[in-house]
Structure formats: C-alpha cells, structure tokens
Amino acid sequence: MCLAIPAKIESIENGVAQCRVGEGETFVTASLMLLDGEAALGDYVIIHAGFALRKLDLLEAQQSLAILRELADAYDEVQRKYEQEELDRAKA
C-alpha cells in the first residue's frame, strides 16, 4: 500500500523540491513536474512516489498530517498489545 503525504517545500533546485514532512526532521525529495502552476518555498504539496501531485493549503496539510499521526499511533498501540500477548504466551 502506498500513501501520499503532505509536506512543506523547503528548497527547490532544477524542478526538484526538498520537502519537510510534519514538524520533525524528515525530508523527502519530490519532482514538481506534475504540478499545475508554479510552486514556491513554503508551499505545501501532496507527494506520492517522488512526485508532488498538487498544492495544499496549510489547513488541509495540517489535517492530513493529524490523520496520519492518528493512524501511526493506533498501529503502535496494536503492535504493543500484540508484543505483550506474545510475551505472555512465552511465559505460560
């Protein structure tokens, strides 16, 4: 399964952007060749398979990142529960 992720353009060189995902230090590289119109520093874009597909406004980017964080947190919770069940079984 592939996800398209929202990211903020931090730099652009030769039609390729370095984009920050969320508030952390995760960066992705994305070609801007598929975008309608020009992209600028500070723009938010949705990225899939190395391509910026479209621009997002700040609110849409924040909402998308919040949903992705919720999914990641839910996965972590399920994973911890599974690991604890495995440990409990091993002790029995």
Protein backbone atom coordinates (compact mmCIF):
# COMPACT_ATOMS: atom_id res chain seq x y z
CA MET A 1 0.00 0.00 0.00
CA CYS A 2 1.27 3.45 -0.85
CA LEU A 3 0.39 6.72 0.82
CA ALA A 4 0.51 10.24 -0.48
CA ILE A 5 1.92 12.53 2.20
CA PRO A 6 1.66 16.28 2.73
CA ALA A 7 4.95 18.16 3.02
CA LYS A 8 6.25 21.73 3.02
CA ILE A 9 8.65 22.86 0.30
CA GLU A 10 11.91 23.98 1.93
CA SER A 11 14.08 24.33 -1.19
CA ILE A 12 13.77 24.00 -4.96
CA GLU A 13 16.51 23.29 -7.47
CA ASN A 14 16.01 22.38 -11.14
CA GLY A 15 12.34 21.48 -10.66
CA VAL A 16 13.01 19.22 -7.67
CA ALA A 17 11.94 20.18 -4.16
CA GLN A 18 13.28 19.19 -0.77
CA CYS A 19 10.20 18.95 1.43
CA ARG A 20 9.76 18.65 5.20
CA VAL A 21 7.17 16.19 6.47
CA GLY A 22 5.43 17.45 9.59
CA GLU A 23 7.32 19.28 12.31
CA GLY A 24 10.25 16.86 12.51
CA GLU A 25 13.46 16.40 10.60
CA THR A 26 12.07 14.04 7.94
CA PHE A 27 12.68 15.31 4.42
CA VAL A 28 11.60 13.87 1.09
CA THR A 29 12.63 14.79 -2.43
CA ALA A 30 9.86 15.44 -4.93
CA SER A 31 9.74 16.35 -8.58
CA LEU A 32 7.49 19.33 -9.27
CA MET A 33 6.93 18.47 -12.95
CA LEU A 34 3.35 17.20 -12.43
CA LEU A 35 2.08 20.28 -10.59
CA ASP A 36 -0.35 22.65 -12.25
CA GLY A 37 1.25 26.06 -11.91
CA GLU A 38 4.36 27.16 -10.10
CA ALA A 39 5.46 26.02 -6.66
CA ALA A 40 7.26 28.27 -4.21
CA LEU A 41 9.17 27.95 -0.96
CA GLY A 42 6.72 27.44 1.89
CA ASP A 43 4.02 25.84 -0.27
CA TYR A 44 2.51 22.59 0.93
CA VAL A 45 2.21 19.77 -1.58
CA ILE A 46 0.91 16.22 -1.53
CA ILE A 47 3.69 13.80 -2.53
CA HIS A 48 3.36 10.29 -3.93
CA ALA A 49 6.09 8.12 -5.45
CA GLY A 50 8.53 11.02 -5.63
CA PHE A 51 6.18 13.47 -7.33
CA ALA A 52 4.34 16.47 -5.93
CA LEU A 53 0.79 15.91 -7.20
CA ARG A 54 -0.93 19.10 -6.10
CA LYS A 55 -0.63 22.04 -3.75
CA LEU A 56 -2.46 22.09 -0.42
CA ASP A 57 -3.39 24.96 1.83
CA LEU A 58 -1.96 24.99 5.34
CA LEU A 59 -5.17 23.77 7.00
CA GLU A 60 -5.55 20.82 4.62
CA ALA A 61 -1.90 19.85 5.16
CA GLN A 62 -2.29 20.04 8.95
CA GLN A 63 -5.48 17.97 8.89
CA SER A 64 -3.88 15.31 6.67
CA LEU A 65 -0.80 15.09 8.91
CA ALA A 66 -3.02 14.79 12.01
CA ILE A 67 -4.89 11.86 10.44
CA LEU A 68 -1.62 10.15 9.51
CA ARG A 69 -0.34 10.65 13.09
CA GLU A 70 -3.53 9.11 14.48
CA LEU A 71 -3.10 6.10 12.21
CA ALA A 72 0.53 5.68 13.24
CA ASP A 73 -0.40 5.92 16.93
CA ALA A 74 -3.17 3.35 16.50
CA TYR A 75 -0.74 1.00 14.75
CA ASP A 76 1.81 1.43 17.56
CA GLU A 77 -0.85 0.62 20.16
CA VAL A 78 -1.91 -2.55 18.34
CA GLN A 79 1.73 -3.57 17.88
CA ARG A 80 2.49 -3.10 21.61
CA LYS A 81 -0.58 -5.17 22.53
CA TYR A 82 0.47 -7.94 20.14
CA GLU A 83 4.02 -7.97 21.51
CA GLN A 84 2.72 -8.14 25.09
CA GLU A 85 0.45 -11.06 24.18
CA GLU A 86 3.44 -12.85 22.65
CA LEU A 87 5.47 -12.31 25.83
CA ASP A 88 2.59 -13.54 27.98
CA ARG A 89 2.28 -16.69 25.84
CA ALA A 90 6.01 -17.35 26.06
CA LYS A 91 5.85 -17.15 29.87
CA ALA A 92 2.89 -19.56 30.09
